[in-house]
Amino acid sequence: MQDQRADLEWRDGRVPVSVRFDDPYFSLDNGLAETRHVFLDGNDLPARFVDGFHIAELGFGTGLNFLTAWAAWRAAGVQGRLRFTSFEAFPVELEAMEKALAAFPKVAELAGALVAAGGGSAEFEDATLTVIEGDARATLPAWDGAADAWFLDGFSPAKNPELWGAELMAEVGRHTVPAGTVATYTAAGFVRRGLEEAGFTVTRVPGFGRKRHMTRAVLG
């Protein structure tokens, strides 16, 4: 899957939908609020932020999760640098990324910086973004990092099961610091079991919008 680009169509002219997985890149209700609820609140952020805090993610997509975390980092006034590593098999073209992010004026300044930097790996004043392209089943095992918090944001497990399997969840566990956390919008049973087998204590909590449940997990 290396070097393949995302194939998109647009819903209501503003919400990108993956043709390959028939799934939107963010909530049709409010993508920014969803990201805050699922990935920030789900990982107890920004309360845990410290210099060098490392977030890792499965599924970079339009970069909205990174921008939301970066905005929260700045709003929290943390001294130092945020580290963010994302694994993405099908990168979104820069023009499509810019169009999608235009729907979120609250992160417009940071979105402009991301687009200006090429929409991928970049060093910013207070954040380091690393986007690792390719199949995460191959790239994550080869990664030498460990995250304080994980954003699991692949497309729906029903449509993209490869990004949610037990072996990949085991790799997530192996690349998480002690007492590190995971958050994801899905509450699928096989995903929760995979995280439990990887050593996480898993909790099902209220989801965002029309989703009844989501998943939080803590290693150990």
Protein backbone atom coordinates (compact mmCIF):
# COMPACT_ATOMS: atom_id res chain seq x y z
CA MET A 1 0.00 0.00 0.00
CA GLN A 2 3.06 2.25 0.07
CA ASP A 3 2.79 5.49 -1.90
CA GLN A 4 -0.94 5.11 -2.63
CA ARG A 5 -2.96 8.29 -2.24
CA ALA A 6 -6.41 8.71 -0.78
CA ASP A 7 -9.35 8.62 -3.19
CA LEU A 8 -11.98 11.10 -1.99
CA GLU A 9 -15.45 12.32 -2.73
CA TRP A 10 -17.16 15.22 -1.00
CA ARG A 11 -20.39 15.13 0.97
CA ASP A 12 -22.26 18.45 1.08
CA GLY A 13 -19.24 19.94 -0.64
CA ARG A 14 -17.19 20.02 2.55
CA VAL A 15 -16.93 16.60 4.25
CA PRO A 16 -14.34 14.29 2.63
CA VAL A 17 -15.38 10.66 2.31
CA SER A 18 -13.01 7.83 1.50
CA VAL A 19 -14.11 6.06 -1.67
CA ARG A 20 -11.97 3.06 -0.76
CA PHE A 21 -13.60 2.58 2.66
CA ASP A 22 -16.93 4.38 2.11
CA ASP A 23 -16.45 6.28 5.36
CA PRO A 24 -16.13 10.00 6.19
CA TYR A 25 -12.87 11.40 7.54
CA PHE A 26 -14.60 13.19 10.39
CA SER A 27 -18.01 13.54 11.99
CA LEU A 28 -20.78 14.84 9.79
CA ASP A 29 -22.09 16.66 12.88
CA ASN A 30 -19.02 18.47 14.20
CA GLY A 31 -15.60 17.03 13.45
CA LEU A 32 -13.72 19.34 15.81
CA ALA A 33 -16.02 18.63 18.76
CA GLU A 34 -15.79 14.91 18.02
CA THR A 35 -12.00 14.99 18.07
CA ARG A 36 -11.98 16.86 21.37
CA HIS A 37 -14.46 14.45 22.95
CA VAL A 38 -12.95 11.22 21.68
CA PHE A 39 -9.23 11.83 21.53
CA LEU A 40 -8.52 14.67 23.95
CA ASP A 41 -11.06 13.85 26.68
CA GLY A 42 -10.57 10.15 26.02
CA ASN A 43 -6.87 10.47 26.88
CA ASP A 44 -7.36 12.98 29.74
CA LEU A 45 -5.80 15.77 27.73
CA PRO A 46 -4.66 18.50 28.10
CA ALA A 47 -4.30 17.76 31.84
CA ARG A 48 -1.47 15.28 31.18
CA PHE A 49 0.56 17.50 28.87
CA VAL A 50 4.24 17.98 29.79
CA ASP A 51 7.25 18.92 27.71
CA GLY A 52 7.94 16.16 25.20
CA PHE A 53 4.50 14.53 25.56
CA HIS A 54 4.18 12.06 22.69
CA ILE A 55 0.92 11.28 20.92
CA ALA A 56 0.80 8.52 18.32
CA GLU A 57 -2.04 7.91 15.92
CA LEU A 58 -3.33 5.33 13.49
CA GLY A 59 -4.83 7.26 10.56
CA PHE A 60 -3.58 10.80 9.91
CA GLY A 61 -6.31 11.61 7.38
CA THR A 62 -6.79 15.35 6.98
CA GLY A 63 -4.60 16.15 9.99
CA LEU A 64 -7.55 17.40 12.06
CA ASN A 65 -6.61 15.36 15.13
CA PHE A 66 -3.08 16.71 15.09
CA LEU A 67 -4.34 20.28 14.77
CA THR A 68 -6.82 19.80 17.60
CA ALA A 69 -4.12 18.41 19.88
CA TRP A 70 -1.70 21.16 18.88
CA ALA A 71 -4.33 23.85 19.56
CA ALA A 72 -5.01 22.32 22.99
CA TRP A 73 -1.28 22.25 23.70
CA ARG A 74 -0.99 25.96 22.94
CA ALA A 75 -4.13 26.84 24.88
CA ALA A 76 -2.77 24.97 27.92
CA GLY A 77 0.36 27.11 27.87
CA VAL A 78 2.69 24.14 28.22
CA GLN A 79 6.36 25.06 27.96
CA GLY A 80 8.31 22.87 25.57
CA ARG A 81 7.41 20.71 22.61
CA LEU A 82 4.57 18.38 21.65
CA ARG A 83 5.53 15.26 19.71
CA PHE A 84 2.98 13.71 17.37
CA THR A 85 3.58 10.61 15.24
CA SER A 86 0.93 9.36 12.83
CA PHE A 87 0.76 6.24 10.67
CA GLU A 88 -1.07 6.68 7.35
CA ALA A 89 -1.39 4.22 4.46
CA PHE A 90 -3.27 6.49 2.05
CA PRO A 91 -2.13 10.12 2.39
CA VAL A 92 -4.60 12.86 1.51
CA GLU A 93 -3.50 15.19 -1.29
CA LEU A 94 -2.51 18.64 -0.01
CA GLU A 95 -5.26 20.47 -1.94
CA ALA A 96 -7.93 18.16 -0.49
CA MET A 97 -6.47 18.55 2.99
CA GLU A 98 -6.65 22.32 2.71
CA LYS A 99 -10.25 22.18 1.47
CA ALA A 100 -11.32 19.85 4.30
CA LEU A 101 -9.65 21.88 7.03
CA ALA A 102 -11.28 25.09 5.78
CA ALA A 103 -14.41 23.85 7.59
CA PHE A 104 -12.71 24.49 10.94
CA PRO A 105 -11.96 28.20 11.39
CA LYS A 106 -11.02 27.67 15.05
CA VAL A 107 -7.81 25.95 13.93
CA ALA A 108 -7.34 27.98 10.74
CA GLU A 109 -3.97 29.43 11.74
CA LEU A 110 -2.50 26.03 12.59
CA ALA A 111 -4.09 24.47 9.51
CA GLY A 112 -2.38 27.10 7.40
CA ALA A 113 0.96 26.21 8.98
CA LEU A 114 0.39 22.51 8.32
CA VAL A 115 -0.53 23.10 4.69
CA ALA A 116 2.39 25.48 4.21
CA ALA A 117 4.68 22.75 5.53
CA GLY A 118 3.38 20.30 2.93
CA GLY A 119 0.76 18.48 5.01
CA GLY A 120 3.14 15.91 6.44
CA SER A 121 6.20 15.57 8.66
CA ALA A 122 7.39 18.96 9.86
CA GLU A 123 9.06 20.86 12.68
CA PHE A 124 7.02 23.72 14.10
CA GLU A 125 7.91 26.19 16.82
CA ASP A 126 6.40 24.08 19.59
CA ALA A 127 5.49 20.79 17.93
CA THR A 128 7.14 17.99 15.98
CA LEU A 129 4.93 16.13 13.51
CA THR A 130 6.06 12.84 11.99
CA VAL A 131 3.83 11.13 9.43
CA ILE A 132 4.93 7.58 8.60
CA GLU A 133 3.44 6.44 5.32
CA GLY A 134 2.62 2.83 4.53
CA ASP A 135 0.70 -0.10 6.00
CA ALA A 136 0.80 0.26 9.79
CA ARG A 137 1.00 -3.53 10.11
CA ALA A 138 4.52 -3.17 8.69
CA THR A 139 5.53 0.34 9.77
CA LEU A 140 4.44 0.26 13.43
CA PRO A 141 6.49 -2.85 14.33
CA ALA A 142 9.53 -1.15 12.80
CA TRP A 143 8.99 2.08 14.77
CA ASP A 144 11.37 2.69 17.68
CA GLY A 145 9.11 5.13 19.54
CA ALA A 146 6.69 4.83 22.46
CA ALA A 147 3.65 7.02 22.95
CA ASP A 148 2.13 8.52 26.06
CA ALA A 149 -1.29 8.53 24.36
CA TRP A 150 -2.73 6.90 21.25
CA PHE A 151 -5.45 8.15 18.92
CA LEU A 152 -6.88 5.10 17.12
CA ASP A 153 -8.69 6.72 14.21
CA GLY A 154 -8.76 4.31 11.31
CA PHE A 155 -11.90 3.97 9.26
CA SER A 156 -14.75 1.90 10.69
CA PRO A 157 -13.60 -1.55 11.89
CA ALA A 158 -16.37 -3.05 9.78
CA LYS A 159 -14.89 -1.46 6.64
CA ASN A 160 -11.18 -1.29 7.50
CA PRO A 161 -10.58 -4.32 9.78
CA GLU A 162 -6.88 -4.44 8.90
CA LEU A 163 -6.21 -1.43 11.11
CA TRP A 164 -7.92 -2.93 14.16
CA GLY A 165 -6.67 -6.51 14.38
CA ALA A 166 -5.27 -8.13 17.53
CA GLU A 167 -1.72 -8.21 16.16
CA LEU A 168 -1.76 -4.47 15.48
CA MET A 169 -3.29 -3.75 18.90
CA ALA A 170 -0.44 -5.78 20.40
CA GLU A 171 1.99 -3.49 18.57
CA VAL A 172 0.16 -0.48 19.98
CA GLY A 173 0.71 -1.93 23.43
CA ARG A 174 4.39 -2.55 22.75
CA HIS A 175 4.78 1.06 21.66
CA THR A 176 3.08 2.64 24.68
CA VAL A 177 4.80 3.88 27.83
CA PRO A 178 3.76 2.36 31.19
CA ALA A 179 0.33 3.72 32.19
CA GLY A 180 -0.03 5.23 28.72
CA THR A 181 -3.50 5.55 27.26
CA VAL A 182 -5.57 4.81 24.17
CA ALA A 183 -8.79 6.39 22.97
CA THR A 184 -10.93 5.53 19.97
CA TYR A 185 -14.41 6.29 18.69
CA THR A 186 -15.25 2.60 18.23
CA ALA A 187 -16.59 0.23 20.88
CA ALA A 188 -16.39 -2.87 18.66
CA GLY A 189 -15.97 -5.96 20.79
CA PHE A 190 -13.03 -7.41 18.88
CA VAL A 191 -11.14 -4.11 19.17
CA ARG A 192 -11.68 -3.97 22.92
CA ARG A 193 -10.62 -7.60 23.28
CA GLY A 194 -7.51 -6.94 21.21
CA LEU A 195 -6.55 -4.06 23.50
CA GLU A 196 -7.16 -6.20 26.58
CA GLU A 197 -4.93 -8.94 25.16
CA ALA A 198 -2.28 -6.27 24.56
CA GLY A 199 -2.23 -5.45 28.27
CA PHE A 200 -4.67 -2.56 28.48
CA THR A 201 -7.44 -2.07 31.00
CA VAL A 202 -10.36 -1.18 28.75
CA THR A 203 -13.43 0.91 29.52
CA ARG A 204 -16.49 1.62 27.39
CA VAL A 205 -17.69 5.20 27.85
CA PRO A 206 -20.26 7.49 26.19
CA GLY A 207 -19.44 8.34 22.59
CA PHE A 208 -19.88 11.53 20.61
CA GLY A 209 -23.13 12.63 19.05
CA ARG A 210 -25.14 9.72 17.72
CA LYS A 211 -22.55 7.15 18.79
CA ARG A 212 -23.63 5.56 22.05
CA HIS A 213 -20.20 4.32 23.11
CA MET A 214 -16.47 4.73 22.55
CA THR A 215 -13.41 3.11 24.12
CA ARG A 216 -10.74 4.29 26.55
CA ALA A 217 -7.85 2.13 27.71
CA VAL A 218 -4.88 2.37 30.06
CA LEU A 219 -1.80 0.17 29.81
CA GLY A 220 -1.31 -2.00 32.85
